[in-house]
Every structure is written in structure tokens, then in C-alpha cells.
């Protein structure tokens, strides 16, 4: 019923920047929380950042001061601005949305590779 499409991943050098986007479409009345998670090979999926509909923010300690999250509610889109990238940021980044009815959805992920 809900599809999430991420974009913006790629290969960058350490210290560079990327901007990830995730657009939600389908049967959507209201989105509560939107966020980004990352997963490296052999690792668990981990929280990167979340934002509620009213703008409350949450960040993983490892990205505080470097990444920012924002959303455009009219477009059902969430963004992750990634600055000062480090090789340890290399991972697949997944978009997540939780609707007001409690149902959650995941995107297919976009790969971010940071070279040293």
C-alpha cells in the first residue's frame, strides 16, 4: 500500500557530502515518523536519524553535528543531509516511515560508500 523510494546514494571521498531523499507514495493519510537507518554487511540495522511530523528530531551519537534530517510533509518526502562523511559511514541507508495507524514501511535502501 505504501512504497518508499530512496535516492542520492553514491561514492564519495572522506570529508565530502551527500543528500539522500526518500519519497513515500500510495495509501497515505498521515505519516507520523520518518527516518533513516543504516546497515553495513554483517551488522545490525541501526538508527541514523528520525523526525516526527511536528519536527522532533533524534540522531545517533555518531552522526550528531554532521548529519541533518528534514521532511516536506506536503510531498511525503524525508531528506538526510550527510556532511563530513567518514569511511565508517559506509553502509546501505534505508528509509523508514511509520503511519499514524502504526504501520511501518521500509525502502529498499541506497548504498553510500565513503573512501579514505
C-alpha atoms as a PDB file:
ATOM      1  CA  UNK A   1       0.000   0.000   0.000  1.00  0.00           C
ATOM      2  CA  UNK A   2       2.917   2.322   0.705  1.00  0.00           C
ATOM      3  CA  UNK A   3       6.089   2.474  -1.321  1.00  0.00           C
ATOM      4  CA  UNK A   4       9.293   4.260  -0.374  1.00  0.00           C
ATOM      5  CA  UNK A   5      11.869   5.219  -2.975  1.00  0.00           C
ATOM      6  CA  UNK A   6      15.295   6.376  -1.846  1.00  0.00           C
ATOM      7  CA  UNK A   7      17.797   8.266  -3.935  1.00  0.00           C
ATOM      8  CA  UNK A   8      21.058  10.143  -3.556  1.00  0.00           C
ATOM      9  CA  UNK A   9      23.489   7.436  -2.537  1.00  0.00           C
ATOM     10  CA  UNK A  10      26.838   7.020  -4.185  1.00  0.00           C
ATOM     11  CA  UNK A  11      30.603   7.039  -3.804  1.00  0.00           C
ATOM     12  CA  UNK A  12      32.278   9.997  -2.134  1.00  0.00           C
ATOM     13  CA  UNK A  13      35.628  10.751  -0.569  1.00  0.00           C
ATOM     14  CA  UNK A  14      36.042  11.239   3.147  1.00  0.00           C
ATOM     15  CA  UNK A  15      35.022  14.748   4.120  1.00  0.00           C
ATOM     16  CA  UNK A  16      32.501  15.000   1.311  1.00  0.00           C
ATOM     17  CA  UNK A  17      28.736  15.328   1.404  1.00  0.00           C
ATOM     18  CA  UNK A  18      25.659  13.561   0.116  1.00  0.00           C
ATOM     19  CA  UNK A  19      21.965  14.297   0.327  1.00  0.00           C
ATOM     20  CA  UNK A  20      19.600  11.349   0.498  1.00  0.00           C
ATOM     21  CA  UNK A  21      15.932  11.643  -0.373  1.00  0.00           C
ATOM     22  CA  UNK A  22      13.022   9.315   0.281  1.00  0.00           C
ATOM     23  CA  UNK A  23       9.597   9.818  -1.235  1.00  0.00           C
ATOM     24  CA  UNK A  24       6.584   7.919   0.058  1.00  0.00           C
ATOM     25  CA  UNK A  25       3.613   7.139  -2.129  1.00  0.00           C
ATOM     26  CA  UNK A  26       0.487   5.025  -2.019  1.00  0.00           C
ATOM     27  CA  UNK A  27      -2.295   4.862   0.527  1.00  0.00           C
ATOM     28  CA  UNK A  28      -1.176   7.551   2.952  1.00  0.00           C
ATOM     29  CA  UNK A  29      -3.451   9.546   5.186  1.00  0.00           C
ATOM     30  CA  UNK A  30      -0.855  10.686   7.685  1.00  0.00           C
ATOM     31  CA  UNK A  31       2.787   9.878   8.393  1.00  0.00           C
ATOM     32  CA  UNK A  32       3.889  10.046  11.993  1.00  0.00           C
ATOM     33  CA  UNK A  33       7.628   9.407  11.972  1.00  0.00           C
ATOM     34  CA  UNK A  34      10.106   9.322   9.108  1.00  0.00           C
ATOM     35  CA  UNK A  35      13.677   8.261   9.484  1.00  0.00           C
ATOM     36  CA  UNK A  36      16.885   6.827   8.164  1.00  0.00           C
ATOM     37  CA  UNK A  37      18.676   3.672   9.260  1.00  0.00           C
ATOM     38  CA  UNK A  38      21.948   2.199   8.096  1.00  0.00           C
ATOM     39  CA  UNK A  39      23.224  -1.332   7.783  1.00  0.00           C
ATOM     40  CA  UNK A  40      26.736  -2.469   6.971  1.00  0.00           C
ATOM     41  CA  UNK A  41      27.494  -6.052   5.873  1.00  0.00           C
ATOM     42  CA  UNK A  42      27.327  -8.418   8.823  1.00  0.00           C
ATOM     43  CA  UNK A  43      25.946  -5.713  11.101  1.00  0.00           C
ATOM     44  CA  UNK A  44      22.542  -4.951  12.548  1.00  0.00           C
ATOM     45  CA  UNK A  45      20.434  -2.189  11.115  1.00  0.00           C
ATOM     46  CA  UNK A  46      20.939   0.932  13.223  1.00  0.00           C
ATOM     47  CA  UNK A  47      19.163   4.218  13.688  1.00  0.00           C
ATOM     48  CA  UNK A  48      20.702   7.232  11.988  1.00  0.00           C
ATOM     49  CA  UNK A  49      18.062   9.907  12.449  1.00  0.00           C
ATOM     50  CA  UNK A  50      14.310  10.338  12.793  1.00  0.00           C
ATOM     51  CA  UNK A  51      11.887  13.214  12.556  1.00  0.00           C
ATOM     52  CA  UNK A  52       8.273  13.328  13.672  1.00  0.00           C
ATOM     53  CA  UNK A  53       5.504  15.076  11.813  1.00  0.00           C
ATOM     54  CA  UNK A  54       5.779  18.008  14.202  1.00  0.00           C
ATOM     55  CA  UNK A  55       9.539  18.260  13.809  1.00  0.00           C
ATOM     56  CA  UNK A  56      11.010  16.464  16.815  1.00  0.00           C
ATOM     57  CA  UNK A  57      14.485  15.206  15.917  1.00  0.00           C
ATOM     58  CA  UNK A  58      16.585  12.285  17.001  1.00  0.00           C
ATOM     59  CA  UNK A  59      20.133  11.402  15.927  1.00  0.00           C
ATOM     60  CA  UNK A  60      22.604   8.654  16.551  1.00  0.00           C
ATOM     61  CA  UNK A  61      25.560   9.915  18.570  1.00  0.00           C
ATOM     62  CA  UNK A  62      27.923   9.026  15.741  1.00  0.00           C
ATOM     63  CA  UNK A  63      26.296  11.485  13.325  1.00  0.00           C
ATOM     64  CA  UNK A  64      25.408  14.390  15.598  1.00  0.00           C
ATOM     65  CA  UNK A  65      26.845  17.596  14.232  1.00  0.00           C
ATOM     66  CA  UNK A  66      27.436  16.074  10.797  1.00  0.00           C
ATOM     67  CA  UNK A  67      24.044  14.890   9.537  1.00  0.00           C
ATOM     68  CA  UNK A  68      20.716  16.679   9.472  1.00  0.00           C
ATOM     69  CA  UNK A  69      17.249  15.326   8.761  1.00  0.00           C
ATOM     70  CA  UNK A  70      14.273  17.221   7.395  1.00  0.00           C
ATOM     71  CA  UNK A  71      10.919  16.477   5.806  1.00  0.00           C
ATOM     72  CA  UNK A  72       8.412  18.010   3.464  1.00  0.00           C
ATOM     73  CA  UNK A  73       5.027  16.848   4.669  1.00  0.00           C
ATOM     74  CA  UNK A  74       3.240  18.121   1.574  1.00  0.00           C
ATOM     75  CA  UNK A  75       5.464  15.912  -0.582  1.00  0.00           C
ATOM     76  CA  UNK A  76       5.692  12.973   1.851  1.00  0.00           C
ATOM     77  CA  UNK A  77       9.441  13.203   1.494  1.00  0.00           C
ATOM     78  CA  UNK A  78      12.264  12.968   4.018  1.00  0.00           C
ATOM     79  CA  UNK A  79      15.857  14.054   3.468  1.00  0.00           C
ATOM     80  CA  UNK A  80      19.162  13.228   5.085  1.00  0.00           C
ATOM     81  CA  UNK A  81      21.942  15.749   4.568  1.00  0.00           C
ATOM     82  CA  UNK A  82      25.223  13.973   5.207  1.00  0.00           C
ATOM     83  CA  UNK A  83      28.280  16.174   5.714  1.00  0.00           C
ATOM     84  CA  UNK A  84      31.867  15.463   6.750  1.00  0.00           C
ATOM     85  CA  UNK A  85      31.449  11.852   5.718  1.00  0.00           C
ATOM     86  CA  UNK A  86      33.763   9.244   7.177  1.00  0.00           C
ATOM     87  CA  UNK A  87      34.688   5.795   5.853  1.00  0.00           C
ATOM     88  CA  UNK A  88      32.815   4.279   8.788  1.00  0.00           C
ATOM     89  CA  UNK A  89      29.616   5.832   7.424  1.00  0.00           C
ATOM     90  CA  UNK A  90      29.770   3.349   4.549  1.00  0.00           C
ATOM     91  CA  UNK A  91      26.548   1.342   4.588  1.00  0.00           C
ATOM     92  CA  UNK A  92      23.213   0.824   2.940  1.00  0.00           C
ATOM     93  CA  UNK A  93      20.855   3.530   4.124  1.00  0.00           C
ATOM     94  CA  UNK A  94      17.193   2.639   4.470  1.00  0.00           C
ATOM     95  CA  UNK A  95      14.250   4.962   4.652  1.00  0.00           C
ATOM     96  CA  UNK A  96      11.531   4.168   7.179  1.00  0.00           C
ATOM     97  CA  UNK A  97       8.089   5.623   7.728  1.00  0.00           C
ATOM     98  CA  UNK A  98       5.542   4.931  10.424  1.00  0.00           C
ATOM     99  CA  UNK A  99       1.988   5.914   9.636  1.00  0.00           C
ATOM    100  CA  UNK A 100      -0.455   7.367  12.121  1.00  0.00           C
ATOM    101  CA  UNK A 101      -2.166   3.969  12.267  1.00  0.00           C
ATOM    102  CA  UNK A 102       1.073   2.382  13.481  1.00  0.00           C
ATOM    103  CA  UNK A 103       2.030   0.565  10.287  1.00  0.00           C
ATOM    104  CA  UNK A 104       5.680   0.795   9.324  1.00  0.00           C
ATOM    105  CA  UNK A 105       7.333   0.575   5.918  1.00  0.00           C
ATOM    106  CA  UNK A 106      10.888   0.259   4.633  1.00  0.00           C
ATOM    107  CA  UNK A 107      12.534   1.344   1.445  1.00  0.00           C
ATOM    108  CA  UNK A 108      14.887  -0.902  -0.496  1.00  0.00           C
ATOM    109  CA  UNK A 109      17.931   1.092   0.552  1.00  0.00           C
ATOM    110  CA  UNK A 110      20.574   3.181  -1.153  1.00  0.00           C
ATOM    111  CA  UNK A 111      24.288   2.466  -0.882  1.00  0.00           C
ATOM    112  CA  UNK A 112      26.645   5.081   0.491  1.00  0.00           C
ATOM    113  CA  UNK A 113      30.350   4.371   0.094  1.00  0.00           C
ATOM    114  CA  UNK A 114      32.936   6.696   1.608  1.00  0.00           C
ATOM    115  CA  UNK A 115      36.526   6.236   0.511  1.00  0.00           C
ATOM    116  CA  UNK A 116      39.529   7.230   2.603  1.00  0.00           C
END
